[in-house]
């Protein structure tokens, strides 16, 4: 179980998630310049460490050297063209059909791309009156990911044997169809 707290020193959200015997701590929605290879800035790492210290006993000292890794990424945020100027940015994804009939999907996250695909196709079917031309509904749920050609329901057994992963982690990896290479 993780922890999410929106009451930080500067109002950003901080999260704590257990992972592999360690804790992932971080924040989201920090403004950042668009770069080819975004990296976690030292001032951001220091901010996370300062926030982490607020949750720990004073006798526990968390230092920069305790950070095993840090990463950063960019998430596209879009403004709904139909919204007034006072409304905020769309944090997830947005599907918009322009007056000329151009259907656009923008924003979103890596973890929601299948839902985004399904919603976009469903909107196209509704908008362009294609109901009579569809029979099966959305098929994205059954489309295999790139790299999952060798996937099977018993894949976790091979992962245990070859990669020495614990059984539960192997089941999770194989059931989510994550490509794991030894």
C-alpha atoms as a PDB file:
ATOM      1  CA  UNK A   1       0.000   0.000   0.000  1.00  0.00           C
ATOM      2  CA  UNK A   2       1.250   3.468  -0.805  1.00  0.00           C
ATOM      3  CA  UNK A   3       0.706   6.938   0.554  1.00  0.00           C
ATOM      4  CA  UNK A   4      -0.354  10.048  -1.341  1.00  0.00           C
ATOM      5  CA  UNK A   5      -0.367  13.449   0.354  1.00  0.00           C
ATOM      6  CA  UNK A   6      -1.436  16.700  -1.327  1.00  0.00           C
ATOM      7  CA  UNK A   7      -0.533  18.783   1.753  1.00  0.00           C
ATOM      8  CA  UNK A   8       3.164  19.395   1.084  1.00  0.00           C
ATOM      9  CA  UNK A   9       5.211  22.486   1.829  1.00  0.00           C
ATOM     10  CA  UNK A  10       4.454  23.977  -1.601  1.00  0.00           C
ATOM     11  CA  UNK A  11       1.111  22.337  -2.405  1.00  0.00           C
ATOM     12  CA  UNK A  12       2.391  19.675  -4.786  1.00  0.00           C
ATOM     13  CA  UNK A  13       1.413  16.065  -4.264  1.00  0.00           C
ATOM     14  CA  UNK A  14       3.992  13.646  -2.863  1.00  0.00           C
ATOM     15  CA  UNK A  15       3.667   9.889  -3.039  1.00  0.00           C
ATOM     16  CA  UNK A  16       5.376   6.946  -1.384  1.00  0.00           C
ATOM     17  CA  UNK A  17       5.166   3.472  -2.902  1.00  0.00           C
ATOM     18  CA  UNK A  18       6.843   0.293  -1.639  1.00  0.00           C
ATOM     19  CA  UNK A  19       8.860  -1.446  -4.350  1.00  0.00           C
ATOM     20  CA  UNK A  20      11.411  -4.262  -4.251  1.00  0.00           C
ATOM     21  CA  UNK A  21      12.188  -3.760  -0.556  1.00  0.00           C
ATOM     22  CA  UNK A  22      12.680  -0.006  -1.007  1.00  0.00           C
ATOM     23  CA  UNK A  23      10.414   3.017  -1.257  1.00  0.00           C
ATOM     24  CA  UNK A  24       9.718   5.117  -4.325  1.00  0.00           C
ATOM     25  CA  UNK A  25       9.059   8.707  -3.301  1.00  0.00           C
ATOM     26  CA  UNK A  26       8.234  11.475  -5.684  1.00  0.00           C
ATOM     27  CA  UNK A  27       5.971  14.141  -6.974  1.00  0.00           C
ATOM     28  CA  UNK A  28       4.163  15.014 -10.156  1.00  0.00           C
ATOM     29  CA  UNK A  29       3.273  18.143 -12.042  1.00  0.00           C
ATOM     30  CA  UNK A  30       6.461  20.105 -11.609  1.00  0.00           C
ATOM     31  CA  UNK A  31       6.900  22.491 -14.522  1.00  0.00           C
ATOM     32  CA  UNK A  32       9.883  21.487 -16.645  1.00  0.00           C
ATOM     33  CA  UNK A  33      11.452  22.515 -19.934  1.00  0.00           C
ATOM     34  CA  UNK A  34      10.920  20.195 -22.890  1.00  0.00           C
ATOM     35  CA  UNK A  35      14.170  18.294 -23.352  1.00  0.00           C
ATOM     36  CA  UNK A  36      15.164  15.288 -25.417  1.00  0.00           C
ATOM     37  CA  UNK A  37      16.274  13.375 -22.310  1.00  0.00           C
ATOM     38  CA  UNK A  38      14.625  14.836 -19.202  1.00  0.00           C
ATOM     39  CA  UNK A  39      16.525  14.268 -15.961  1.00  0.00           C
ATOM     40  CA  UNK A  40      15.557  14.774 -12.354  1.00  0.00           C
ATOM     41  CA  UNK A  41      17.000  18.095 -11.238  1.00  0.00           C
ATOM     42  CA  UNK A  42      19.012  18.197  -8.009  1.00  0.00           C
ATOM     43  CA  UNK A  43      16.689  20.821  -6.525  1.00  0.00           C
ATOM     44  CA  UNK A  44      13.736  18.474  -7.146  1.00  0.00           C
ATOM     45  CA  UNK A  45      15.575  15.582  -5.486  1.00  0.00           C
ATOM     46  CA  UNK A  46      16.384  17.815  -2.493  1.00  0.00           C
ATOM     47  CA  UNK A  47      12.720  18.875  -2.277  1.00  0.00           C
ATOM     48  CA  UNK A  48      11.545  15.246  -2.237  1.00  0.00           C
ATOM     49  CA  UNK A  49      14.107  14.407   0.470  1.00  0.00           C
ATOM     50  CA  UNK A  50      12.963  17.367   2.590  1.00  0.00           C
ATOM     51  CA  UNK A  51       9.339  16.246   2.270  1.00  0.00           C
ATOM     52  CA  UNK A  52      10.269  12.636   3.093  1.00  0.00           C
ATOM     53  CA  UNK A  53      11.954  13.791   6.299  1.00  0.00           C
ATOM     54  CA  UNK A  54       8.642  15.268   7.508  1.00  0.00           C
ATOM     55  CA  UNK A  55       7.140  11.764   7.631  1.00  0.00           C
ATOM     56  CA  UNK A  56       9.992  10.100   9.505  1.00  0.00           C
ATOM     57  CA  UNK A  57      11.124  10.052  13.082  1.00  0.00           C
ATOM     58  CA  UNK A  58      13.664  12.842  13.746  1.00  0.00           C
ATOM     59  CA  UNK A  59      16.325  10.250  14.584  1.00  0.00           C
ATOM     60  CA  UNK A  60      16.142   8.817  11.034  1.00  0.00           C
ATOM     61  CA  UNK A  61      18.462  10.755   8.753  1.00  0.00           C
ATOM     62  CA  UNK A  62      17.686  10.509   5.033  1.00  0.00           C
ATOM     63  CA  UNK A  63      20.554  11.788   2.898  1.00  0.00           C
ATOM     64  CA  UNK A  64      21.179  12.317  -0.802  1.00  0.00           C
ATOM     65  CA  UNK A  65      23.389   9.224  -0.736  1.00  0.00           C
ATOM     66  CA  UNK A  66      20.322   7.139   0.188  1.00  0.00           C
ATOM     67  CA  UNK A  67      18.778   7.888  -3.210  1.00  0.00           C
ATOM     68  CA  UNK A  68      19.394   4.836  -5.412  1.00  0.00           C
ATOM     69  CA  UNK A  69      18.034   6.393  -8.601  1.00  0.00           C
ATOM     70  CA  UNK A  70      16.051   9.338  -9.825  1.00  0.00           C
ATOM     71  CA  UNK A  71      14.138   9.862 -13.018  1.00  0.00           C
ATOM     72  CA  UNK A  72      12.010  12.414 -14.726  1.00  0.00           C
ATOM     73  CA  UNK A  73       9.579  12.405 -17.590  1.00  0.00           C
ATOM     74  CA  UNK A  74       7.305  14.784 -19.389  1.00  0.00           C
ATOM     75  CA  UNK A  75       3.544  14.427 -19.540  1.00  0.00           C
ATOM     76  CA  UNK A  76       1.625  16.360 -22.141  1.00  0.00           C
ATOM     77  CA  UNK A  77      -1.124  18.501 -20.666  1.00  0.00           C
ATOM     78  CA  UNK A  78      -3.722  19.888 -23.016  1.00  0.00           C
ATOM     79  CA  UNK A  79      -6.385  22.542 -22.798  1.00  0.00           C
ATOM     80  CA  UNK A  80      -9.833  21.643 -24.023  1.00  0.00           C
ATOM     81  CA  UNK A  81     -10.539  24.031 -26.926  1.00  0.00           C
ATOM     82  CA  UNK A  82     -14.237  24.045 -25.985  1.00  0.00           C
ATOM     83  CA  UNK A  83     -13.500  25.149 -22.386  1.00  0.00           C
ATOM     84  CA  UNK A  84     -13.445  28.708 -21.113  1.00  0.00           C
ATOM     85  CA  UNK A  85     -10.093  30.327 -20.372  1.00  0.00           C
ATOM     86  CA  UNK A  86     -10.614  29.956 -16.626  1.00  0.00           C
ATOM     87  CA  UNK A  87     -10.731  26.174 -16.705  1.00  0.00           C
ATOM     88  CA  UNK A  88      -7.597  24.180 -15.900  1.00  0.00           C
ATOM     89  CA  UNK A  89      -5.565  21.874 -18.041  1.00  0.00           C
ATOM     90  CA  UNK A  90      -6.744  18.354 -18.769  1.00  0.00           C
ATOM     91  CA  UNK A  91      -4.619  16.027 -16.610  1.00  0.00           C
ATOM     92  CA  UNK A  92      -5.563  12.808 -18.378  1.00  0.00           C
ATOM     93  CA  UNK A  93      -6.461  12.634 -22.047  1.00  0.00           C
ATOM     94  CA  UNK A  94      -8.977  14.547 -24.080  1.00  0.00           C
ATOM     95  CA  UNK A  95     -10.905  13.625 -27.207  1.00  0.00           C
ATOM     96  CA  UNK A  96     -12.128  16.539 -29.267  1.00  0.00           C
ATOM     97  CA  UNK A  97     -14.047  16.714 -32.531  1.00  0.00           C
ATOM     98  CA  UNK A  98     -13.593  20.060 -34.274  1.00  0.00           C
ATOM     99  CA  UNK A  99     -16.398  21.757 -36.193  1.00  0.00           C
ATOM    100  CA  UNK A 100     -14.701  20.598 -39.411  1.00  0.00           C
ATOM    101  CA  UNK A 101     -14.871  16.962 -38.221  1.00  0.00           C
ATOM    102  CA  UNK A 102     -11.243  16.416 -37.243  1.00  0.00           C
ATOM    103  CA  UNK A 103     -11.154  13.956 -34.339  1.00  0.00           C
ATOM    104  CA  UNK A 104      -8.168  14.552 -32.052  1.00  0.00           C
ATOM    105  CA  UNK A 105      -6.910  12.728 -28.974  1.00  0.00           C
ATOM    106  CA  UNK A 106      -4.245  14.458 -26.917  1.00  0.00           C
ATOM    107  CA  UNK A 107      -2.573  14.075 -23.553  1.00  0.00           C
ATOM    108  CA  UNK A 108      -2.813  10.851 -21.642  1.00  0.00           C
ATOM    109  CA  UNK A 109      -0.386   8.474 -19.981  1.00  0.00           C
ATOM    110  CA  UNK A 110       1.539   5.384 -20.991  1.00  0.00           C
ATOM    111  CA  UNK A 111      -0.545   3.350 -18.569  1.00  0.00           C
ATOM    112  CA  UNK A 112      -3.873   4.318 -20.147  1.00  0.00           C
ATOM    113  CA  UNK A 113      -3.117   3.993 -23.849  1.00  0.00           C
ATOM    114  CA  UNK A 114      -5.482   1.021 -24.362  1.00  0.00           C
ATOM    115  CA  UNK A 115      -8.386   2.888 -22.770  1.00  0.00           C
ATOM    116  CA  UNK A 116      -7.467   5.945 -24.861  1.00  0.00           C
ATOM    117  CA  UNK A 117      -7.547   3.841 -28.032  1.00  0.00           C
ATOM    118  CA  UNK A 118     -10.922   2.362 -27.145  1.00  0.00           C
ATOM    119  CA  UNK A 119     -12.485   5.730 -26.305  1.00  0.00           C
ATOM    120  CA  UNK A 120     -11.113   7.285 -29.501  1.00  0.00           C
ATOM    121  CA  UNK A 121     -12.458   4.508 -31.728  1.00  0.00           C
ATOM    122  CA  UNK A 122     -15.817   4.597 -29.913  1.00  0.00           C
ATOM    123  CA  UNK A 123     -16.012   8.373 -30.465  1.00  0.00           C
ATOM    124  CA  UNK A 124     -15.149   7.958 -34.163  1.00  0.00           C
ATOM    125  CA  UNK A 125     -17.887   5.332 -34.547  1.00  0.00           C
ATOM    126  CA  UNK A 126     -20.455   7.644 -32.891  1.00  0.00           C
ATOM    127  CA  UNK A 127     -19.329  10.855 -34.581  1.00  0.00           C
ATOM    128  CA  UNK A 128     -19.106   9.466 -38.096  1.00  0.00           C
ATOM    129  CA  UNK A 129     -22.132   7.140 -37.908  1.00  0.00           C
ATOM    130  CA  UNK A 130     -20.165   3.921 -38.316  1.00  0.00           C
ATOM    131  CA  UNK A 131     -22.297   1.734 -36.027  1.00  0.00           C
ATOM    132  CA  UNK A 132     -23.555  -0.396 -38.925  1.00  0.00           C
ATOM    133  CA  UNK A 133     -19.971  -1.101 -40.042  1.00  0.00           C
ATOM    134  CA  UNK A 134     -18.720  -2.414 -36.677  1.00  0.00           C
ATOM    135  CA  UNK A 135     -19.523  -5.840 -35.297  1.00  0.00           C
ATOM    136  CA  UNK A 136     -16.995  -6.789 -32.635  1.00  0.00           C
ATOM    137  CA  UNK A 137     -16.486  -3.633 -30.633  1.00  0.00           C
ATOM    138  CA  UNK A 138     -13.019  -2.588 -29.556  1.00  0.00           C
ATOM    139  CA  UNK A 139     -10.300  -5.242 -29.887  1.00  0.00           C
ATOM    140  CA  UNK A 140      -7.435  -3.434 -28.138  1.00  0.00           C
ATOM    141  CA  UNK A 141      -7.792  -5.637 -25.039  1.00  0.00           C
ATOM    142  CA  UNK A 142      -6.859  -8.718 -27.056  1.00  0.00           C
ATOM    143  CA  UNK A 143      -4.100  -7.159 -29.163  1.00  0.00           C
ATOM    144  CA  UNK A 144      -0.710  -8.320 -27.943  1.00  0.00           C
ATOM    145  CA  UNK A 145       1.978  -5.807 -27.115  1.00  0.00           C
ATOM    146  CA  UNK A 146       5.165  -5.606 -29.139  1.00  0.00           C
ATOM    147  CA  UNK A 147       7.599  -8.094 -27.602  1.00  0.00           C
ATOM    148  CA  UNK A 148       4.934 -10.430 -26.216  1.00  0.00           C
ATOM    149  CA  UNK A 149       5.024 -13.033 -28.999  1.00  0.00           C
ATOM    150  CA  UNK A 150       6.220 -15.788 -26.635  1.00  0.00           C
ATOM    151  CA  UNK A 151       3.705 -14.967 -23.892  1.00  0.00           C
ATOM    152  CA  UNK A 152       1.639 -17.767 -22.381  1.00  0.00           C
ATOM    153  CA  UNK A 153      -0.343 -18.238 -19.179  1.00  0.00           C
ATOM    154  CA  UNK A 154       2.504 -20.349 -17.770  1.00  0.00           C
ATOM    155  CA  UNK A 155       5.214 -17.824 -18.618  1.00  0.00           C
ATOM    156  CA  UNK A 156       5.773 -17.076 -14.936  1.00  0.00           C
ATOM    157  CA  UNK A 157       7.223 -20.564 -14.420  1.00  0.00           C
ATOM    158  CA  UNK A 158       9.964 -19.887 -16.964  1.00  0.00           C
ATOM    159  CA  UNK A 159      10.614 -16.500 -15.371  1.00  0.00           C
ATOM    160  CA  UNK A 160      11.095 -18.163 -11.993  1.00  0.00           C
ATOM    161  CA  UNK A 161      13.499 -20.701 -13.477  1.00  0.00           C
ATOM    162  CA  UNK A 162      15.515 -18.409 -15.774  1.00  0.00           C
ATOM    163  CA  UNK A 163      15.480 -15.035 -14.074  1.00  0.00           C
ATOM    164  CA  UNK A 164      15.121 -16.177 -10.455  1.00  0.00           C
ATOM    165  CA  UNK A 165      12.161 -13.894  -9.809  1.00  0.00           C
ATOM    166  CA  UNK A 166       9.892 -14.664  -6.889  1.00  0.00           C
ATOM    167  CA  UNK A 167       6.670 -16.433  -7.854  1.00  0.00           C
ATOM    168  CA  UNK A 168       4.309 -13.499  -7.212  1.00  0.00           C
ATOM    169  CA  UNK A 169       6.465 -11.042  -9.175  1.00  0.00           C
ATOM    170  CA  UNK A 170       6.739 -13.554 -12.015  1.00  0.00           C
ATOM    171  CA  UNK A 171       2.959 -14.003 -12.129  1.00  0.00           C
ATOM    172  CA  UNK A 172       2.417 -10.234 -12.163  1.00  0.00           C
ATOM    173  CA  UNK A 173       4.993  -9.733 -14.914  1.00  0.00           C
ATOM    174  CA  UNK A 174       3.548 -12.470 -17.112  1.00  0.00           C
ATOM    175  CA  UNK A 175      -0.104 -11.603 -16.509  1.00  0.00           C
ATOM    176  CA  UNK A 176       0.577  -7.982 -17.455  1.00  0.00           C
ATOM    177  CA  UNK A 177       2.440  -9.183 -20.536  1.00  0.00           C
ATOM    178  CA  UNK A 178       5.565  -7.222 -19.668  1.00  0.00           C
ATOM    179  CA  UNK A 179       8.454  -8.405 -21.821  1.00  0.00           C
ATOM    180  CA  UNK A 180      11.139  -9.700 -19.448  1.00  0.00           C
ATOM    181  CA  UNK A 181      14.520 -10.638 -20.819  1.00  0.00           C
ATOM    182  CA  UNK A 182      17.134 -12.603 -18.912  1.00  0.00           C
END
